[in-house]
Amino acid sequence: MFISSQTAHTRAPVTTGWMQPLLRGLPVTAQQLREDRILEEAAVTGADPQHLYAVFNITPETGLRYTHFFHPDPTDSDDVFGCNMETS
């Protein structure tokens, strides 16, 4: 979560213009940071998809994809490792 002096007292997200200077020169994108944060939250909360989509404003389907990362279905042939988890 990024908070600026303008967004600290609101529910508004920070702007791209605010974030770009922070990420310049780093080997990571804002999307990669977001996905890493969602995966970390899933790891510490038992991979509850409902919690994930409530906290991160993602769709239930995306929440389930993150849950699947931690509790893969052995009968499912889809490989979630290495793919972009975020779809919304």
C-alpha atoms as a PDB file:
ATOM      1  CA  MET A   1       0.000   0.000   0.000  1.00  0.00           C
ATOM      2  CA  PHE A   2       1.285   3.416  -0.939  1.00  0.00           C
ATOM      3  CA  ILE A   3       0.101   6.471   0.930  1.00  0.00           C
ATOM      4  CA  SER A   4       0.993  10.060   0.171  1.00  0.00           C
ATOM      5  CA  SER A   5       0.273  13.211   2.133  1.00  0.00           C
ATOM      6  CA  GLN A   6      -2.678  13.809  -0.210  1.00  0.00           C
ATOM      7  CA  THR A   7      -4.182  10.324   0.145  1.00  0.00           C
ATOM      8  CA  ALA A   8      -3.498   9.650   3.834  1.00  0.00           C
ATOM      9  CA  HIS A   9      -6.940  10.844   4.942  1.00  0.00           C
ATOM     10  CA  THR A  10      -8.948   9.478   2.011  1.00  0.00           C
ATOM     11  CA  ARG A  11      -9.517   6.179   0.272  1.00  0.00           C
ATOM     12  CA  ALA A  12      -8.076   7.529  -2.976  1.00  0.00           C
ATOM     13  CA  PRO A  13      -5.078   5.766  -4.500  1.00  0.00           C
ATOM     14  CA  VAL A  14      -1.799   7.521  -5.124  1.00  0.00           C
ATOM     15  CA  THR A  15      -1.294   8.744  -8.674  1.00  0.00           C
ATOM     16  CA  THR A  16       0.997   7.295 -11.299  1.00  0.00           C
ATOM     17  CA  GLY A  17       2.919  10.585 -11.297  1.00  0.00           C
ATOM     18  CA  TRP A  18       3.588  10.166  -7.581  1.00  0.00           C
ATOM     19  CA  MET A  19       4.789   6.572  -7.973  1.00  0.00           C
ATOM     20  CA  GLN A  20       6.953   6.850 -11.081  1.00  0.00           C
ATOM     21  CA  PRO A  21       9.854   8.691  -9.377  1.00  0.00           C
ATOM     22  CA  LEU A  22       9.820   6.172  -6.513  1.00  0.00           C
ATOM     23  CA  LEU A  23      10.155   3.187  -8.848  1.00  0.00           C
ATOM     24  CA  ARG A  24      12.569   4.737 -11.347  1.00  0.00           C
ATOM     25  CA  GLY A  25      15.741   2.703 -11.513  1.00  0.00           C
ATOM     26  CA  LEU A  26      14.359  -0.223  -9.528  1.00  0.00           C
ATOM     27  CA  PRO A  27      14.229  -3.698 -11.086  1.00  0.00           C
ATOM     28  CA  VAL A  28      10.521  -4.035 -10.238  1.00  0.00           C
ATOM     29  CA  THR A  29       7.233  -2.644 -11.510  1.00  0.00           C
ATOM     30  CA  ALA A  30       4.260  -1.434  -9.503  1.00  0.00           C
ATOM     31  CA  GLN A  31       2.307  -4.473 -10.750  1.00  0.00           C
ATOM     32  CA  GLN A  32       5.016  -6.837  -9.519  1.00  0.00           C
ATOM     33  CA  LEU A  33       4.990  -5.142  -6.110  1.00  0.00           C
ATOM     34  CA  ARG A  34       1.204  -5.491  -5.939  1.00  0.00           C
ATOM     35  CA  GLU A  35       1.300  -9.181  -6.855  1.00  0.00           C
ATOM     36  CA  ASP A  36       4.045  -9.814  -4.310  1.00  0.00           C
ATOM     37  CA  ARG A  37       2.000  -8.049  -1.622  1.00  0.00           C
ATOM     38  CA  ILE A  38      -1.092 -10.123  -2.445  1.00  0.00           C
ATOM     39  CA  LEU A  39       0.938 -13.344  -2.318  1.00  0.00           C
ATOM     40  CA  GLU A  40       2.426 -12.321   1.042  1.00  0.00           C
ATOM     41  CA  GLU A  41      -1.041 -11.539   2.418  1.00  0.00           C
ATOM     42  CA  ALA A  42      -2.298 -14.895   1.153  1.00  0.00           C
ATOM     43  CA  ALA A  43       0.597 -16.666   2.841  1.00  0.00           C
ATOM     44  CA  VAL A  44       0.000 -15.115   6.256  1.00  0.00           C
ATOM     45  CA  THR A  45      -3.809 -15.368   6.211  1.00  0.00           C
ATOM     46  CA  GLY A  46      -4.135 -18.970   5.082  1.00  0.00           C
ATOM     47  CA  ALA A  47      -4.890 -18.051   1.461  1.00  0.00           C
ATOM     48  CA  ASP A  48      -8.482 -16.990   2.077  1.00  0.00           C
ATOM     49  CA  PRO A  49      -9.788 -15.768  -1.310  1.00  0.00           C
ATOM     50  CA  GLN A  50     -12.598 -13.749   0.269  1.00  0.00           C
ATOM     51  CA  HIS A  51     -10.109 -11.860   2.425  1.00  0.00           C
ATOM     52  CA  LEU A  52      -7.896 -11.206  -0.594  1.00  0.00           C
ATOM     53  CA  TYR A  53     -10.613  -9.758  -2.776  1.00  0.00           C
ATOM     54  CA  ALA A  54     -11.957  -7.632   0.059  1.00  0.00           C
ATOM     55  CA  VAL A  55      -8.560  -6.194   0.976  1.00  0.00           C
ATOM     56  CA  PHE A  56      -7.118  -5.768  -2.519  1.00  0.00           C
ATOM     57  CA  ASN A  57     -10.305  -5.013  -4.484  1.00  0.00           C
ATOM     58  CA  ILE A  58      -9.751  -7.932  -6.843  1.00  0.00           C
ATOM     59  CA  THR A  59     -12.429 -10.175  -8.303  1.00  0.00           C
ATOM     60  CA  PRO A  60     -13.386 -13.387  -6.505  1.00  0.00           C
ATOM     61  CA  GLU A  61     -11.930 -15.332  -9.435  1.00  0.00           C
ATOM     62  CA  THR A  62      -8.561 -13.615  -9.030  1.00  0.00           C
ATOM     63  CA  GLY A  63      -8.687 -14.276  -5.284  1.00  0.00           C
ATOM     64  CA  LEU A  64      -9.200 -17.957  -6.063  1.00  0.00           C
ATOM     65  CA  ARG A  65      -6.209 -17.941  -8.404  1.00  0.00           C
ATOM     66  CA  TYR A  66      -3.999 -16.697  -5.570  1.00  0.00           C
ATOM     67  CA  THR A  67      -5.503 -19.337  -3.269  1.00  0.00           C
ATOM     68  CA  HIS A  68      -4.765 -21.984  -5.899  1.00  0.00           C
ATOM     69  CA  PHE A  69      -1.125 -20.895  -5.786  1.00  0.00           C
ATOM     70  CA  PHE A  70      -0.955 -22.078  -2.148  1.00  0.00           C
ATOM     71  CA  HIS A  71      -3.416 -24.976  -2.373  1.00  0.00           C
ATOM     72  CA  PRO A  72      -3.078 -26.403  -5.893  1.00  0.00           C
ATOM     73  CA  ASP A  73      -5.558 -28.984  -7.055  1.00  0.00           C
ATOM     74  CA  PRO A  74      -3.517 -32.103  -7.889  1.00  0.00           C
ATOM     75  CA  THR A  75      -6.003 -33.011 -10.620  1.00  0.00           C
ATOM     76  CA  ASP A  76      -5.621 -29.620 -12.341  1.00  0.00           C
ATOM     77  CA  SER A  77      -3.127 -29.577 -15.196  1.00  0.00           C
ATOM     78  CA  ASP A  78      -2.888 -25.750 -15.338  1.00  0.00           C
ATOM     79  CA  ASP A  79       0.457 -24.505 -14.060  1.00  0.00           C
ATOM     80  CA  VAL A  80       0.083 -21.242 -12.122  1.00  0.00           C
ATOM     81  CA  PHE A  81       3.799 -20.874 -11.415  1.00  0.00           C
ATOM     82  CA  GLY A  82       5.437 -18.181 -13.460  1.00  0.00           C
ATOM     83  CA  CYS A  83       2.215 -16.708 -14.825  1.00  0.00           C
ATOM     84  CA  ASN A  84       0.781 -13.261 -14.187  1.00  0.00           C
ATOM     85  CA  MET A  85      -1.647 -13.812 -11.297  1.00  0.00           C
ATOM     86  CA  GLU A  86      -3.512 -10.502 -11.560  1.00  0.00           C
ATOM     87  CA  THR A  87      -6.393 -10.313 -14.020  1.00  0.00           C
ATOM     88  CA  SER A  88      -8.365  -7.439 -12.546  1.00  0.00           C
END
